[in-house]
Amino acid sequence: MTGESMSKKDLLNRLRRVEGQVRGISRMVEQDKYCFDVLIQVSATSRALQRVALGLLDGHLSHCVLDAARVGGAEQEAKLKEASDAIARLVRS
């Protein structure tokens, strides 16, 4: 990630590519392809989904959290907690 928020169009394009990758993995399993080759594709798909997640998180931070920080109060606390929880989930995965 370059730190720039991904547009909705960019996110959807990435998700369509991931969808195609998953279909390809299914075909590989159906065709009894070599396990190592399937694992390489699973890893690539996981990385692609991580990039989508990071793009969504970046957008959340730069829009939702920033806007809530301007408002302050309970909304700010809630959005910061959401962001912290999302980061924790990404780190665990």
C-alpha atoms as a PDB file:
ATOM      1  CA  MET A   1       0.000   0.000   0.000  1.00  0.00           C
ATOM      2  CA  THR A   2       1.184   3.459  -0.749  1.00  0.00           C
ATOM      3  CA  GLY A   3      -0.914   5.009   1.982  1.00  0.00           C
ATOM      4  CA  GLU A   4      -3.516   6.236  -0.473  1.00  0.00           C
ATOM      5  CA  SER A   5      -7.075   5.098   0.012  1.00  0.00           C
ATOM      6  CA  MET A   6      -8.221   2.684  -2.641  1.00  0.00           C
ATOM      7  CA  SER A   7     -11.304   3.738  -4.541  1.00  0.00           C
ATOM      8  CA  LYS A   8     -14.410   1.583  -4.536  1.00  0.00           C
ATOM      9  CA  LYS A   9     -13.621   0.697  -8.158  1.00  0.00           C
ATOM     10  CA  ASP A  10     -10.085  -0.414  -7.199  1.00  0.00           C
ATOM     11  CA  LEU A  11     -11.403  -2.526  -4.316  1.00  0.00           C
ATOM     12  CA  LEU A  12     -14.010  -4.190  -6.507  1.00  0.00           C
ATOM     13  CA  ASN A  13     -11.435  -4.910  -9.226  1.00  0.00           C
ATOM     14  CA  ARG A  14      -9.122  -6.508  -6.668  1.00  0.00           C
ATOM     15  CA  LEU A  15     -11.982  -8.567  -5.247  1.00  0.00           C
ATOM     16  CA  ARG A  16     -12.936  -9.786  -8.729  1.00  0.00           C
ATOM     17  CA  ARG A  17      -9.340 -10.867  -9.269  1.00  0.00           C
ATOM     18  CA  VAL A  18      -9.383 -12.697  -5.939  1.00  0.00           C
ATOM     19  CA  GLU A  19     -12.645 -14.360  -6.926  1.00  0.00           C
ATOM     20  CA  GLY A  20     -10.996 -15.561 -10.132  1.00  0.00           C
ATOM     21  CA  GLN A  21      -7.995 -16.816  -8.191  1.00  0.00           C
ATOM     22  CA  VAL A  22     -10.263 -18.828  -5.867  1.00  0.00           C
ATOM     23  CA  ARG A  23     -12.071 -20.358  -8.848  1.00  0.00           C
ATOM     24  CA  GLY A  24      -8.676 -21.247 -10.303  1.00  0.00           C
ATOM     25  CA  ILE A  25      -7.646 -22.917  -7.053  1.00  0.00           C
ATOM     26  CA  SER A  26     -10.887 -24.935  -7.077  1.00  0.00           C
ATOM     27  CA  ARG A  27     -10.124 -26.098 -10.619  1.00  0.00           C
ATOM     28  CA  MET A  28      -6.596 -27.045  -9.592  1.00  0.00           C
ATOM     29  CA  VAL A  29      -7.946 -29.181  -6.747  1.00  0.00           C
ATOM     30  CA  GLU A  30     -10.560 -30.778  -9.029  1.00  0.00           C
ATOM     31  CA  GLN A  31      -7.809 -31.602 -11.537  1.00  0.00           C
ATOM     32  CA  ASP A  32      -5.553 -33.063  -8.827  1.00  0.00           C
ATOM     33  CA  LYS A  33      -2.786 -30.554  -9.504  1.00  0.00           C
ATOM     34  CA  TYR A  34       0.434 -30.824  -7.535  1.00  0.00           C
ATOM     35  CA  CYS A  35      -0.187 -29.756  -3.908  1.00  0.00           C
ATOM     36  CA  PHE A  36       2.740 -27.343  -3.833  1.00  0.00           C
ATOM     37  CA  ASP A  37       1.396 -25.493  -6.873  1.00  0.00           C
ATOM     38  CA  VAL A  38      -2.016 -25.193  -5.215  1.00  0.00           C
ATOM     39  CA  LEU A  39      -0.399 -23.874  -2.028  1.00  0.00           C
ATOM     40  CA  ILE A  40       1.432 -21.203  -4.011  1.00  0.00           C
ATOM     41  CA  GLN A  41      -1.877 -20.021  -5.440  1.00  0.00           C
ATOM     42  CA  VAL A  42      -3.542 -20.080  -2.000  1.00  0.00           C
ATOM     43  CA  SER A  43      -0.710 -17.940  -0.652  1.00  0.00           C
ATOM     44  CA  ALA A  44      -1.021 -15.459  -3.515  1.00  0.00           C
ATOM     45  CA  THR A  45      -4.774 -15.225  -2.950  1.00  0.00           C
ATOM     46  CA  SER A  46      -4.284 -14.648   0.771  1.00  0.00           C
ATOM     47  CA  ARG A  47      -1.865 -11.808   0.028  1.00  0.00           C
ATOM     48  CA  ALA A  48      -4.344 -10.284  -2.414  1.00  0.00           C
ATOM     49  CA  LEU A  49      -7.087 -10.355   0.233  1.00  0.00           C
ATOM     50  CA  GLN A  50      -4.713  -8.757   2.715  1.00  0.00           C
ATOM     51  CA  ARG A  51      -4.147  -5.914   0.262  1.00  0.00           C
ATOM     52  CA  VAL A  52      -7.918  -5.446   0.033  1.00  0.00           C
ATOM     53  CA  ALA A  53      -8.178  -5.439   3.829  1.00  0.00           C
ATOM     54  CA  LEU A  54      -5.396  -2.864   4.113  1.00  0.00           C
ATOM     55  CA  GLY A  55      -7.081  -0.686   1.513  1.00  0.00           C
ATOM     56  CA  LEU A  56     -10.349  -0.835   3.445  1.00  0.00           C
ATOM     57  CA  LEU A  57      -8.569  -0.080   6.707  1.00  0.00           C
ATOM     58  CA  ASP A  58      -6.750   2.851   5.144  1.00  0.00           C
ATOM     59  CA  GLY A  59     -10.057   4.235   3.898  1.00  0.00           C
ATOM     60  CA  HIS A  60     -11.641   3.770   7.307  1.00  0.00           C
ATOM     61  CA  LEU A  61      -8.780   5.595   9.008  1.00  0.00           C
ATOM     62  CA  SER A  62      -8.603   8.446   6.536  1.00  0.00           C
ATOM     63  CA  HIS A  63     -12.355   9.046   6.397  1.00  0.00           C
ATOM     64  CA  CYS A  64     -14.393   7.577   9.253  1.00  0.00           C
ATOM     65  CA  VAL A  65     -11.799   7.871  12.002  1.00  0.00           C
ATOM     66  CA  LEU A  66     -10.544  11.268  10.879  1.00  0.00           C
ATOM     67  CA  ASP A  67     -14.099  12.638  10.680  1.00  0.00           C
ATOM     68  CA  ALA A  68     -14.895  11.227  14.138  1.00  0.00           C
ATOM     69  CA  ALA A  69     -11.703  12.755  15.548  1.00  0.00           C
ATOM     70  CA  ARG A  70     -12.886  16.149  14.342  1.00  0.00           C
ATOM     71  CA  VAL A  71     -16.220  15.653  16.118  1.00  0.00           C
ATOM     72  CA  GLY A  72     -14.632  14.226  19.259  1.00  0.00           C
ATOM     73  CA  GLY A  73     -16.412  12.663  22.201  1.00  0.00           C
ATOM     74  CA  ALA A  74     -18.031   9.240  22.151  1.00  0.00           C
ATOM     75  CA  GLU A  75     -17.991   8.983  18.359  1.00  0.00           C
ATOM     76  CA  GLN A  76     -14.232   9.503  18.335  1.00  0.00           C
ATOM     77  CA  GLU A  77     -13.736   6.835  20.988  1.00  0.00           C
ATOM     78  CA  ALA A  78     -15.973   4.368  19.125  1.00  0.00           C
ATOM     79  CA  LYS A  79     -14.204   4.846  15.794  1.00  0.00           C
ATOM     80  CA  LEU A  80     -10.754   4.561  17.384  1.00  0.00           C
ATOM     81  CA  LYS A  81     -11.852   1.321  19.085  1.00  0.00           C
ATOM     82  CA  GLU A  82     -13.165  -0.017  15.764  1.00  0.00           C
ATOM     83  CA  ALA A  83      -9.869   0.801  14.065  1.00  0.00           C
ATOM     84  CA  SER A  84      -7.867  -0.778  16.874  1.00  0.00           C
ATOM     85  CA  ASP A  85     -10.018  -3.934  16.747  1.00  0.00           C
ATOM     86  CA  ALA A  86      -9.657  -4.143  12.967  1.00  0.00           C
ATOM     87  CA  ILE A  87      -5.873  -3.836  13.194  1.00  0.00           C
ATOM     88  CA  ALA A  88      -5.767  -6.521  15.880  1.00  0.00           C
ATOM     89  CA  ARG A  89      -7.789  -8.883  13.651  1.00  0.00           C
ATOM     90  CA  LEU A  90      -5.491  -8.235  10.697  1.00  0.00           C
ATOM     91  CA  VAL A  91      -2.395  -8.863  12.785  1.00  0.00           C
ATOM     92  CA  ARG A  92      -3.823 -12.175  14.068  1.00  0.00           C
ATOM     93  CA  SER A  93      -4.649 -13.446  10.579  1.00  0.00           C
END
